Amino acid sequence: MAALGDCARGLPYSPMIRRLPFAWGPPVKFGRAALILLASAAALAVQGCASGARKPDLNLPAAYEAPAGTADLSPKALDDWWLIFGDEELNGLEAQALKASPDVKTQIARLKEAAATRNSNILQTFPTGDLTGGASRQTTNNIGGGAANDLFPVGGVTDDDHLDFKVSWELDFFGALADARKAARADYAASRFDIEAARASLVANVADSYFQARGLAIQLDDANETLRIENDLLRSTTIKAERGLGPESDADRIAGDAAQARSQVEDLKSQQHAAARLLLILVGRGTESVENLPLAADVPDPPPLPKAVPGELLARRPDVREADEKMRSAAIRTKLAKEELFPNLTLQPALGLAKEVAPGVGVLQSALGLMFFPQEQTTTTDYWSVGVNLDQPVLDIPRLLQDAKAQGARTEEAVVAYEQAVQTAYGDAENALVELSSDETRIGVLEDGEARAKRAYDAERTRFKLGIDDITTVLSAEQTWRTDRTELTAERVQALRRAVQTYKALGGGWDYETTKTASRSP
C-alpha cells in the first residue's frame, strides 16, 4: 500500500468534472462489495500512475555560434533595455506606451480576468454550501364531504416558514484538491507570461518604429539633397546644350533622373507620415497630429554586441516560461484524469429551523369537564444532520481510462510545444546576435567607403575653385558621396533595429526581476 499512497498524494482533482448532489441520511456502511470496488479502482489508478508525462529535452549548447559579445548586460538592464540607447525621446515614448497604450490596457484587463478565473477555480475546491429559506401560506376550504362546526373546524389558513443551511465538503484523502489548486495556479502563470510576452513585443515595436521613422527622416533629407543635385546638374547640362558645348540627350537623361528624385521625395514623405502615425498609435496618442512627434534626421550609434548564455533563455524568455507553465498544467490534468478512478467521499452536514402555524383545537379543563374550542397551533422545530456520500466509478472505468489516455496525449503535445519554444528561443537569439555582429562589420566597411567618397568630393570642390574641373564633375562627386552616406545611414538604422530584436530575443523588455522563479518541468 506504500506505492498506492505515494501515487495518490500526487493525483490532482478537477472540481469541474464531478459535483455530487446533497444526500441526507444516516452514515454509509461499507460492506464487502464496496471494499472490493475500492480495491479495484485503486489498482487501476496505480497502473495509470506508472505512465506519467515525460521529461522535456532541454539540451542546449554552451555558447552561441556567433562572435562573443563585449557588453555585460545585467538582468535589470535587460528589463529596460531601451535605456541603453541613451535617447530621451525614445525613453519618453516607451514610458507613454507602458502607461497609455491600448495594448497595455488590454493586457491589464486580461491579467485581471486570469486572476479572477484562478481564484474562482481555487475556491471551488473548498467546502460549498447554500443558505436557503422559504415562506408559504395555504388556505383550505371545505367544499363537501363533511360539515364544519365551531368545535372541529374543517379548512383554514396554514403558514409555513423554514431556514436551512446545507454544506458539501469533499474530503481530500488523496491530495486531489491541492493538485487542482496547483493546476489553477499554473494556468494563471501561463496567462501571466503570455501577457508579459505581449509587453515585451510592445516595447520592441515602439523602439523599432521609432528608429524606422528616424531613418525615414534621414532618407527624406538625403532625397531632398539628391533632388537639389539633380536640379543643379540639369541646369548645368541645359546651359551646355544651349551653348553647343554638350548634347541635349544629357539634359534629357538628367531631367528624367530629377523627376525620379522628386517622386522619391514624395514617397518618403508619405512613408514618414505613416510611420509617425503608427508610432503615435502604439504609445496611445493616436488622435494627435503627427506634427506633435518630432523626428530628428539622425540616429545614434548602435550599442555593442551583448554577452549572452543560451541557458538563461529558459528563465528570461516569457514565451518559454508560458510554454513551461502550460506543460505543467497539462501534466497535472493528466493526473486529474487518473484521479477519477478513485472513490470520492463527501461529508454533508446540515442544520435548519422551521415554524408552522395551522388551524387546530384547544382543550380547557373546567368544573363542567373538558371544553374544546378552535385554536391556532404553532409548531417550531430545529434540526441538524450529518451525511456521507460515496461515489465510486464502476461502469465508467473504461471511459475514464480513455479520457486519461487522451489527456496524456495532450500533455505530450504540451511537452513538444515547450521543446519547440526552447529551440525557437535559442534560434531567435543566435540569429539576432549573428545579424547584429554582421551589421557592426558592415558599418565599419561603409564608414570607410563614405569617408573616401567625402575626401573625393572635397578634392573635386578644390579643383573646381581652381578652375580645373567644371560644376558637373563636382556635383557628380557630391552625388556619389551622398549615396554612400545614405547606405551608411540605412545600415546604422538596420543595426539599431537589429539591436532591438536582439534584446527582445534575449528575453528583455518585461518585468523579469519581479517574477523571477526557477524554470520547472512536470
Protein backbone atom coordinates (compact mmCIF):
# COMPACT_ATOMS: atom_id res chain seq x y z
CA MET A 1 0.00 0.00 0.00
CA ALA A 2 3.03 2.32 0.25
CA ALA A 3 3.17 2.62 -3.54
CA LEU A 4 -0.53 3.45 -3.63
CA GLY A 5 -0.09 6.18 -1.06
CA ASP A 6 2.84 7.79 -2.89
CA CYS A 7 0.90 7.88 -6.14
CA ALA A 8 -2.36 9.02 -4.57
CA ARG A 9 -0.77 12.03 -2.93
CA GLY A 10 0.22 13.31 -6.38
CA LEU A 11 -3.11 12.89 -8.14
CA PRO A 12 -4.83 16.26 -8.79
CA TYR A 13 -8.60 16.65 -8.93
CA SER A 14 -10.74 18.81 -11.15
CA PRO A 15 -13.78 20.32 -9.36
CA MET A 16 -15.45 20.89 -12.72
CA ILE A 17 -15.63 17.16 -13.51
CA ARG A 18 -17.73 15.79 -10.68
CA ARG A 19 -20.06 17.60 -8.23
CA LEU A 20 -22.30 15.39 -6.08
CA PRO A 21 -25.87 16.25 -5.14
CA PHE A 22 -26.84 16.51 -1.47
CA ALA A 23 -27.77 13.14 0.04
CA TRP A 24 -29.19 13.46 3.52
CA GLY A 25 -29.44 10.35 5.66
CA PRO A 26 -27.57 8.06 8.00
CA PRO A 27 -23.82 7.39 7.63
CA VAL A 28 -22.84 4.89 4.91
CA LYS A 29 -21.78 1.39 5.99
CA PHE A 30 -19.04 -0.13 3.87
CA GLY A 31 -19.72 -3.73 3.02
CA ARG A 32 -17.60 -6.36 1.33
CA ALA A 33 -18.72 -5.36 -2.18
CA ALA A 34 -17.79 -1.73 -1.57
CA LEU A 35 -14.31 -2.70 -0.39
CA ILE A 36 -13.77 -4.86 -3.48
CA LEU A 37 -14.78 -1.97 -5.76
CA LEU A 38 -12.48 0.38 -3.85
CA ALA A 39 -9.54 -2.01 -4.18
CA SER A 40 -10.18 -2.49 -7.90
CA ALA A 41 -10.26 1.23 -8.58
CA ALA A 42 -7.11 1.78 -6.56
CA ALA A 43 -5.29 -0.91 -8.56
CA LEU A 44 -6.34 0.70 -11.83
CA ALA A 45 -5.22 4.11 -10.61
CA VAL A 46 -1.83 2.77 -9.56
CA GLN A 47 -1.46 1.26 -13.03
CA GLY A 48 -2.32 4.63 -14.59
CA CYS A 49 0.23 6.45 -12.43
CA ALA A 50 3.02 4.39 -13.96
CA SER A 51 2.78 6.33 -17.27
CA GLY A 52 3.47 9.95 -16.34
CA ALA A 53 4.50 12.83 -18.58
CA ARG A 54 8.00 12.51 -20.00
CA LYS A 55 10.71 14.98 -19.19
CA PRO A 56 11.34 17.53 -21.98
CA ASP A 57 14.61 17.52 -23.89
CA LEU A 58 16.39 20.72 -22.86
CA ASN A 59 19.82 20.15 -24.39
CA LEU A 60 21.36 23.49 -25.35
CA PRO A 61 24.90 24.31 -26.46
CA ALA A 62 27.19 26.07 -24.01
CA ALA A 63 27.53 29.10 -26.29
CA TYR A 64 26.01 30.66 -29.39
CA GLU A 65 27.58 30.17 -32.80
CA ALA A 66 28.16 33.89 -33.01
CA PRO A 67 31.04 36.23 -32.13
CA ALA A 68 31.33 36.68 -28.39
CA GLY A 69 29.72 39.85 -27.10
CA THR A 70 31.66 42.56 -25.33
CA ALA A 71 28.94 44.33 -23.32
CA ASP A 72 27.89 43.00 -19.91
CA LEU A 73 24.12 43.01 -19.53
CA SER A 74 22.57 42.83 -16.06
CA PRO A 75 19.03 41.43 -15.60
CA LYS A 76 17.72 44.88 -14.70
CA ALA A 77 19.37 46.46 -17.75
CA LEU A 78 17.80 43.82 -19.97
CA ASP A 79 14.39 44.50 -18.41
CA ASP A 80 14.61 48.16 -19.53
CA TRP A 81 16.95 47.69 -22.49
CA TRP A 82 15.77 50.83 -24.34
CA LEU A 83 17.66 52.93 -21.79
CA ILE A 84 20.91 51.56 -23.26
CA PHE A 85 20.46 53.73 -26.38
CA GLY A 86 20.61 56.93 -24.31
CA ASP A 87 17.79 58.56 -26.29
CA GLU A 88 15.49 60.71 -24.15
CA GLU A 89 12.81 60.86 -26.85
CA LEU A 90 12.73 57.05 -27.04
CA ASN A 91 12.64 56.75 -23.24
CA GLY A 92 9.64 59.09 -23.13
CA LEU A 93 7.78 57.16 -25.83
CA GLU A 94 8.37 53.86 -24.04
CA ALA A 95 7.08 55.32 -20.77
CA GLN A 96 3.96 56.62 -22.55
CA ALA A 97 3.39 53.24 -24.22
CA LEU A 98 3.63 51.33 -20.94
CA LYS A 99 1.10 53.71 -19.41
CA ALA A 100 -1.43 54.58 -22.10
CA SER A 101 -1.07 52.15 -25.00
CA PRO A 102 -4.29 50.32 -25.99
CA ASP A 103 -2.27 47.10 -25.95
CA VAL A 104 -1.25 47.69 -22.32
CA LYS A 105 -4.82 48.43 -21.29
CA THR A 106 -5.95 45.22 -22.97
CA GLN A 107 -3.25 43.20 -21.20
CA ILE A 108 -4.21 44.70 -17.82
CA ALA A 109 -7.81 43.59 -18.40
CA ARG A 110 -6.60 40.11 -19.42
CA LEU A 111 -4.50 39.86 -16.28
CA LYS A 112 -7.47 40.75 -14.09
CA GLU A 113 -9.58 38.16 -15.90
CA ALA A 114 -6.90 35.48 -15.43
CA ALA A 115 -6.57 36.28 -11.72
CA ALA A 116 -10.33 36.12 -11.17
CA THR A 117 -10.53 32.81 -13.05
CA ARG A 118 -7.72 31.38 -10.95
CA ASN A 119 -9.38 32.46 -7.70
CA SER A 120 -12.73 31.04 -8.81
CA ASN A 121 -11.19 27.66 -9.67
CA ILE A 122 -9.35 27.54 -6.35
CA LEU A 123 -12.44 28.44 -4.35
CA GLN A 124 -14.32 25.56 -5.97
CA THR A 125 -12.00 23.13 -4.17
CA PHE A 126 -13.16 24.32 -0.74
CA PRO A 127 -16.43 23.38 1.03
CA THR A 128 -19.54 24.70 -0.63
CA GLY A 129 -22.90 25.46 0.90
CA ASP A 130 -26.09 27.45 0.49
CA LEU A 131 -28.42 29.16 2.92
CA THR A 132 -31.97 28.53 1.74
CA GLY A 133 -35.29 29.65 3.19
CA GLY A 134 -38.90 29.91 2.29
CA ALA A 135 -42.31 31.02 3.47
CA SER A 136 -45.73 29.84 2.31
CA ARG A 137 -49.39 30.34 3.19
CA GLN A 138 -52.06 27.80 2.33
CA THR A 139 -55.81 28.37 2.58
CA THR A 140 -58.06 25.30 2.72
CA ASN A 141 -61.89 25.49 2.26
CA ASN A 142 -64.47 22.76 2.88
CA ILE A 143 -66.36 22.10 -0.35
CA GLY A 144 -68.05 18.85 0.64
CA GLY A 145 -67.67 15.56 2.49
CA GLY A 146 -68.48 16.91 5.94
CA ALA A 147 -69.94 19.93 7.70
CA ALA A 148 -67.74 22.35 9.59
CA ASN A 149 -68.67 23.47 13.09
CA ASP A 150 -67.23 25.71 15.77
CA LEU A 151 -65.67 22.82 17.65
CA PHE A 152 -63.85 20.95 14.91
CA PRO A 153 -63.11 23.33 12.00
CA VAL A 154 -62.52 21.95 8.53
CA GLY A 155 -60.05 24.06 6.46
CA GLY A 156 -58.39 27.33 7.33
CA VAL A 157 -55.09 29.15 6.84
CA THR A 158 -51.72 27.43 7.36
CA ASP A 159 -48.41 29.40 7.44
CA ASP A 160 -45.10 27.55 6.94
CA ASP A 161 -41.62 29.16 7.30
CA HIS A 162 -38.23 27.43 7.17
CA LEU A 163 -34.50 28.25 7.00
CA ASP A 164 -31.83 25.65 6.05
CA PHE A 165 -28.03 25.67 5.76
CA LYS A 166 -26.57 22.70 3.86
CA VAL A 167 -22.86 22.13 3.23
CA SER A 168 -20.96 19.81 0.89
CA TRP A 169 -17.36 19.15 1.93
CA GLU A 170 -15.28 16.83 -0.24
CA LEU A 171 -12.62 15.10 1.85
CA ASP A 172 -9.18 15.39 0.25
CA PHE A 173 -7.77 11.97 1.17
CA PHE A 174 -5.51 11.71 -1.88
CA GLY A 175 -4.34 15.33 -2.16
CA ALA A 176 -6.57 15.77 -5.19
CA LEU A 177 -7.96 19.18 -4.30
CA ALA A 178 -4.48 20.51 -3.58
CA ASP A 179 -3.41 19.44 -7.05
CA ALA A 180 -6.46 21.13 -8.54
CA ARG A 181 -5.28 24.35 -6.94
CA LYS A 182 -1.83 23.78 -8.47
CA ALA A 183 -3.41 23.41 -11.91
CA ALA A 184 -5.32 26.68 -11.46
CA ARG A 185 -2.14 28.48 -10.45
CA ALA A 186 -0.25 27.02 -13.43
CA ASP A 187 -2.98 28.23 -15.80
CA TYR A 188 -2.75 31.70 -14.27
CA ALA A 189 1.04 31.72 -14.55
CA ALA A 190 0.79 30.76 -18.23
CA SER A 191 -1.60 33.66 -18.81
CA ARG A 192 0.70 35.99 -16.89
CA PHE A 193 3.72 35.08 -19.03
CA ASP A 194 1.64 35.44 -22.20
CA ILE A 195 0.78 38.96 -21.07
CA GLU A 196 4.44 39.69 -20.28
CA ALA A 197 5.37 38.47 -23.77
CA ALA A 198 2.88 40.96 -25.20
CA ARG A 199 4.53 43.70 -23.12
CA ALA A 200 7.96 42.73 -24.45
CA SER A 201 6.61 42.85 -28.01
CA LEU A 202 5.07 46.27 -27.40
CA VAL A 203 8.27 47.97 -26.18
CA ALA A 204 10.19 46.33 -29.04
CA ASN A 205 7.63 47.56 -31.60
CA VAL A 206 7.81 51.09 -30.19
CA ALA A 207 11.61 51.20 -30.45
CA ASP A 208 11.61 49.56 -33.88
CA SER A 209 9.01 52.00 -35.21
CA TYR A 210 10.90 54.93 -33.66
CA PHE A 211 14.21 54.05 -35.31
CA GLN A 212 12.44 53.29 -38.57
CA ALA A 213 10.78 56.73 -38.50
CA ARG A 214 14.12 58.39 -37.71
CA GLY A 215 15.69 56.51 -40.61
CA LEU A 216 12.94 57.71 -42.93
CA ALA A 217 13.59 61.28 -41.80
CA ILE A 218 17.25 60.86 -42.77
CA GLN A 219 16.30 59.31 -46.10
CA LEU A 220 13.96 62.23 -46.77
CA ASP A 221 16.75 64.73 -46.11
CA ASP A 222 19.08 62.78 -48.38
CA ALA A 223 16.39 62.56 -51.08
CA ASN A 224 15.92 66.34 -50.94
CA GLU A 225 19.66 66.80 -51.32
CA THR A 226 19.69 64.36 -54.23
CA LEU A 227 16.89 66.33 -55.86
CA ARG A 228 18.90 69.53 -55.39
CA ILE A 229 21.94 67.93 -57.03
CA GLU A 230 19.87 66.63 -59.94
CA ASN A 231 18.34 70.07 -60.47
CA ASP A 232 21.80 71.68 -60.43
CA LEU A 233 23.09 69.07 -62.88
CA LEU A 234 20.06 69.64 -65.10
CA ARG A 235 20.67 73.39 -65.07
CA SER A 236 24.35 72.89 -65.93
CA THR A 237 23.76 70.42 -68.77
CA THR A 238 20.95 72.54 -70.19
CA ILE A 239 23.23 75.58 -70.37
CA LYS A 240 25.93 73.47 -72.05
CA ALA A 241 23.43 72.16 -74.59
CA GLU A 242 22.16 75.66 -75.35
CA ARG A 243 25.74 76.88 -75.92
CA GLY A 244 26.61 73.88 -78.06
CA LEU A 245 29.06 72.52 -75.51
CA GLY A 246 27.16 69.25 -74.93
CA PRO A 247 24.41 67.09 -76.39
CA GLU A 248 20.79 67.70 -75.49
CA SER A 249 20.44 63.97 -74.64
CA ASP A 250 22.49 64.56 -71.48
CA ALA A 251 19.99 67.17 -70.33
CA ASP A 252 17.09 64.86 -71.12
CA ARG A 253 18.69 61.99 -69.18
CA ILE A 254 19.33 64.17 -66.14
CA ALA A 255 15.79 65.57 -66.36
CA GLY A 256 14.49 62.01 -66.05
CA ASP A 257 16.74 61.46 -63.02
CA ALA A 258 15.41 64.66 -61.44
CA ALA A 259 11.82 63.54 -61.94
CA GLN A 260 12.63 60.22 -60.29
CA ALA A 261 14.23 62.10 -57.38
CA ARG A 262 11.10 64.24 -56.93
CA SER A 263 8.97 61.08 -56.94
CA GLN A 264 11.15 59.53 -54.26
CA VAL A 265 10.82 62.63 -52.08
CA GLU A 266 7.03 62.43 -52.21
CA ASP A 267 7.08 58.71 -51.47
CA LEU A 268 9.33 59.17 -48.45
CA LYS A 269 7.09 61.95 -47.13
CA SER A 270 4.10 59.59 -47.13
CA GLN A 271 6.16 56.79 -45.54
CA GLN A 272 7.38 59.10 -42.80
CA HIS A 273 3.84 60.28 -42.10
CA ALA A 274 2.60 56.67 -41.86
CA ALA A 275 5.50 55.69 -39.57
CA ALA A 276 4.83 58.65 -37.27
CA ARG A 277 1.11 57.82 -37.13
CA LEU A 278 1.82 54.19 -36.28
CA LEU A 279 4.19 55.26 -33.53
CA LEU A 280 1.59 57.61 -32.04
CA ILE A 281 -0.99 54.79 -32.05
CA LEU A 282 1.47 52.42 -30.33
CA VAL A 283 2.07 54.85 -27.46
CA GLY A 284 -1.62 55.71 -27.01
CA ARG A 285 -1.57 59.12 -28.74
CA GLY A 286 -3.35 58.10 -31.92
CA THR A 287 -5.62 61.17 -32.02
CA GLU A 288 -2.75 63.68 -32.00
CA SER A 289 -1.27 65.32 -35.07
CA VAL A 290 1.97 63.83 -36.41
CA GLU A 291 3.44 67.33 -36.05
CA ASN A 292 3.50 66.67 -32.28
CA LEU A 293 6.07 63.92 -32.81
CA PRO A 294 9.43 65.49 -33.70
CA LEU A 295 11.77 63.11 -35.52
CA ALA A 296 15.39 64.18 -35.77
CA ALA A 297 17.13 63.32 -39.05
CA ASP A 298 19.97 61.43 -37.35
CA VAL A 299 20.45 58.19 -35.43
CA PRO A 300 22.78 57.17 -32.60
CA ASP A 301 25.44 54.55 -32.98
CA PRO A 302 24.16 51.02 -32.32
CA PRO A 303 25.10 49.54 -28.91
CA PRO A 304 27.89 46.96 -28.69
CA LEU A 305 27.13 43.27 -29.02
CA PRO A 306 25.86 41.99 -25.63
CA LYS A 307 27.20 38.94 -23.84
CA ALA A 308 24.64 36.12 -23.61
CA VAL A 309 24.41 32.49 -22.48
CA PRO A 310 21.84 30.11 -24.08
CA GLY A 311 20.78 28.56 -20.76
CA GLU A 312 19.49 31.92 -19.49
CA LEU A 313 16.71 31.82 -22.09
CA LEU A 314 14.80 29.22 -20.05
CA ALA A 315 14.15 31.84 -17.39
CA ARG A 316 14.38 35.08 -19.40
CA ARG A 317 12.02 34.41 -22.31
CA PRO A 318 8.34 34.89 -21.33
CA ASP A 319 7.15 32.68 -24.19
CA VAL A 320 9.34 29.81 -22.91
CA ARG A 321 8.02 30.36 -19.38
CA GLU A 322 4.45 30.33 -20.73
CA ALA A 323 5.06 27.03 -22.54
CA ASP A 324 6.58 25.63 -19.33
CA GLU A 325 3.51 26.50 -17.27
CA LYS A 326 1.18 25.09 -19.92
CA MET A 327 3.19 21.88 -19.82
CA ARG A 328 2.90 21.73 -16.03
CA SER A 329 -0.84 22.36 -16.19
CA ALA A 330 -1.30 19.61 -18.80
CA ALA A 331 0.71 17.15 -16.70
CA ILE A 332 -1.40 17.89 -13.63
CA ARG A 333 -4.57 17.43 -15.63
CA THR A 334 -3.31 14.04 -16.73
CA LYS A 335 -3.13 13.14 -13.05
CA LEU A 336 -6.60 14.63 -12.63
CA ALA A 337 -7.95 12.27 -15.28
CA LYS A 338 -6.42 9.30 -13.48
CA GLU A 339 -7.80 10.56 -10.18
CA GLU A 340 -11.30 9.99 -11.49
CA LEU A 341 -10.75 6.27 -10.90
CA PHE A 342 -10.55 6.80 -7.15
CA PRO A 343 -13.61 6.90 -4.89
CA ASN A 344 -14.94 10.28 -3.92
CA LEU A 345 -16.10 10.79 -0.31
CA THR A 346 -18.17 13.85 0.54
CA LEU A 347 -19.24 14.99 4.01
CA GLN A 348 -22.64 16.70 4.04
CA PRO A 349 -23.65 18.41 7.31
CA ALA A 350 -26.83 20.49 7.58
CA LEU A 351 -28.93 22.40 10.10
CA GLY A 352 -32.19 24.30 9.93
CA LEU A 353 -35.21 25.93 11.59
CA ALA A 354 -38.93 25.58 10.78
CA LYS A 355 -42.14 27.13 12.03
CA GLU A 356 -45.72 26.12 11.17
CA VAL A 357 -48.98 27.86 12.16
CA ALA A 358 -52.14 25.81 11.37
CA PRO A 359 -55.79 25.53 12.44
CA GLY A 360 -56.39 23.25 15.45
CA VAL A 361 -58.47 22.54 18.56
CA GLY A 362 -57.78 23.82 22.06
CA VAL A 363 -58.78 21.96 25.30
CA LEU A 364 -59.76 23.65 28.56
CA GLN A 365 -60.36 21.90 31.91
CA SER A 366 -63.38 23.35 33.76
CA ALA A 367 -65.84 22.38 36.50
CA LEU A 368 -68.12 21.05 33.86
CA GLY A 369 -65.35 18.88 32.36
CA LEU A 370 -63.23 19.21 29.26
CA MET A 371 -64.14 22.01 26.92
CA PHE A 372 -62.93 22.10 23.28
CA PHE A 373 -62.61 25.26 21.19
CA PRO A 374 -60.95 26.33 17.92
CA GLN A 375 -57.32 27.48 18.35
CA GLU A 376 -54.29 28.05 16.05
CA GLN A 377 -51.50 25.55 16.63
CA THR A 378 -47.90 26.83 16.34
CA THR A 379 -45.03 24.36 15.92
CA THR A 380 -41.37 25.45 15.95
CA THR A 381 -38.60 22.92 15.23
CA ASP A 382 -34.87 22.86 14.56
CA TYR A 383 -32.67 20.07 13.24
CA TRP A 384 -29.13 19.09 12.37
CA SER A 385 -27.77 16.18 10.41
CA VAL A 386 -24.52 14.73 9.09
CA GLY A 387 -24.37 12.61 5.96
CA VAL A 388 -21.63 10.92 3.98
CA ASN A 389 -21.82 10.25 0.25
CA LEU A 390 -19.52 7.79 -1.54
CA ASP A 391 -19.12 7.80 -5.32
CA GLN A 392 -17.05 5.01 -6.92
CA PRO A 393 -16.97 4.70 -10.74
CA VAL A 394 -17.61 1.15 -11.97
CA LEU A 395 -19.13 1.00 -15.44
CA ASP A 396 -17.46 4.32 -16.33
CA ILE A 397 -13.96 2.92 -15.76
CA PRO A 398 -13.28 2.11 -19.47
CA ARG A 399 -14.38 5.60 -20.49
CA LEU A 400 -12.29 7.23 -17.76
CA LEU A 401 -9.22 5.28 -18.86
CA GLN A 402 -9.70 6.52 -22.42
CA ASP A 403 -10.14 10.07 -21.12
CA ALA A 404 -6.84 9.68 -19.25
CA LYS A 405 -5.13 8.48 -22.44
CA ALA A 406 -6.49 11.47 -24.36
CA GLN A 407 -5.24 13.86 -21.68
CA GLY A 408 -1.88 12.09 -21.73
CA ALA A 409 -1.67 12.80 -25.46
CA ARG A 410 -2.46 16.47 -24.82
CA THR A 411 0.31 16.53 -22.24
CA GLU A 412 2.74 15.12 -24.80
CA GLU A 413 1.67 17.91 -27.16
CA ALA A 414 2.43 20.45 -24.43
CA VAL A 415 5.87 18.89 -23.84
CA VAL A 416 6.65 19.06 -27.56
CA ALA A 417 5.42 22.67 -27.66
CA TYR A 418 7.75 23.50 -24.77
CA GLU A 419 10.71 21.87 -26.52
CA GLN A 420 9.86 23.81 -29.68
CA ALA A 421 9.61 27.07 -27.71
CA VAL A 422 13.08 26.46 -26.25
CA GLN A 423 14.58 25.68 -29.65
CA THR A 424 12.85 28.67 -31.25
CA ALA A 425 14.12 30.95 -28.49
CA TYR A 426 17.66 29.67 -28.98
CA GLY A 427 17.40 30.12 -32.75
CA ASP A 428 15.99 33.65 -32.41
CA ALA A 429 18.74 34.71 -30.03
CA GLU A 430 21.57 33.20 -32.06
CA ASN A 431 20.30 34.63 -35.35
CA ALA A 432 19.85 38.06 -33.79
CA LEU A 433 23.39 38.04 -32.39
CA VAL A 434 24.86 36.87 -35.71
CA GLU A 435 22.99 39.54 -37.68
CA LEU A 436 23.90 42.29 -35.20
CA SER A 437 27.55 41.26 -35.37
CA SER A 438 27.36 41.33 -39.17
CA ASP A 439 25.84 44.81 -39.01
CA GLU A 440 28.76 46.02 -36.90
CA THR A 441 31.19 44.75 -39.56
CA ARG A 442 29.16 46.28 -42.41
CA ILE A 443 29.04 49.64 -40.64
CA GLY A 444 32.83 49.63 -40.41
CA VAL A 445 33.17 48.88 -44.12
CA LEU A 446 30.62 51.51 -45.14
CA GLU A 447 32.17 54.12 -42.85
CA ASP A 448 35.46 53.67 -44.65
CA GLY A 449 33.78 53.94 -48.05
CA GLU A 450 31.82 57.03 -47.02
CA ALA A 451 34.98 58.70 -45.71
CA ARG A 452 36.77 58.05 -49.02
CA ALA A 453 33.83 59.40 -51.02
CA LYS A 454 33.80 62.52 -48.82
CA ARG A 455 37.52 63.10 -49.44
CA ALA A 456 36.96 62.70 -53.19
CA TYR A 457 34.15 65.24 -53.07
CA ASP A 458 36.29 67.72 -51.12
CA ALA A 459 39.07 67.29 -53.70
CA GLU A 460 36.68 67.99 -56.57
CA ARG A 461 35.47 71.14 -54.86
CA THR A 462 39.06 72.30 -54.55
CA ARG A 463 39.72 71.56 -58.23
CA PHE A 464 36.54 73.44 -59.16
CA LYS A 465 37.66 76.52 -57.19
CA LEU A 466 40.99 76.38 -59.03
CA GLY A 467 39.18 76.21 -62.36
CA ILE A 468 40.41 72.74 -63.22
CA ASP A 469 37.03 70.91 -63.24
CA ASP A 470 33.55 72.16 -64.05
CA ILE A 471 30.46 72.11 -61.84
CA THR A 472 29.18 68.87 -63.37
CA THR A 473 32.17 66.93 -62.07
CA VAL A 474 31.73 68.45 -58.60
CA LEU A 475 28.04 67.60 -58.47
CA SER A 476 28.70 64.04 -59.59
CA ALA A 477 31.28 63.62 -56.82
CA GLU A 478 28.81 65.04 -54.29
CA GLN A 479 26.11 62.66 -55.53
CA THR A 480 28.44 59.69 -55.09
CA TRP A 481 29.33 60.80 -51.56
CA ARG A 482 25.70 61.29 -50.59
CA THR A 483 24.77 57.88 -52.00
CA ASP A 484 27.46 56.27 -49.83
CA ARG A 485 26.27 58.31 -46.86
CA THR A 486 22.69 57.12 -47.44
CA GLU A 487 23.82 53.49 -47.46
CA LEU A 488 25.77 54.05 -44.25
CA THR A 489 22.77 55.67 -42.58
CA ALA A 490 20.46 52.86 -43.71
CA GLU A 491 22.88 50.29 -42.29
CA ARG A 492 23.03 52.13 -38.95
CA VAL A 493 19.24 52.20 -38.79
CA GLN A 494 19.14 48.48 -39.58
CA ALA A 495 21.72 47.82 -36.86
CA LEU A 496 19.62 49.74 -34.35
CA ARG A 497 16.53 47.76 -35.31
CA ARG A 498 18.53 44.52 -35.13
CA ALA A 499 19.71 45.54 -31.64
CA VAL A 500 16.07 45.94 -30.61
CA GLN A 501 15.27 42.45 -31.90
CA THR A 502 18.37 41.09 -30.15
CA TYR A 503 17.30 42.43 -26.76
CA LYS A 504 13.83 41.02 -27.30
CA ALA A 505 15.23 37.64 -28.42
CA LEU A 506 17.36 37.50 -25.27
CA GLY A 507 14.23 37.89 -23.14
CA GLY A 508 14.31 41.60 -22.42
CA GLY A 509 11.55 44.16 -22.18
CA TRP A 510 9.40 42.74 -19.36
CA ASP A 511 9.41 42.78 -15.57
CA TYR A 512 11.56 39.67 -15.12
CA GLU A 513 13.00 40.73 -11.76
CA THR A 514 9.62 40.71 -10.02
CA THR A 515 8.52 37.39 -11.50
CA LYS A 516 11.81 35.55 -11.10
CA THR A 517 11.21 31.87 -10.34
CA ALA A 518 13.05 28.75 -11.35
CA SER A 519 12.04 27.16 -14.62
CA ARG A 520 10.16 23.96 -13.87
CA SER A 521 9.08 20.83 -15.64
CA PRO A 522 6.37 18.27 -14.83
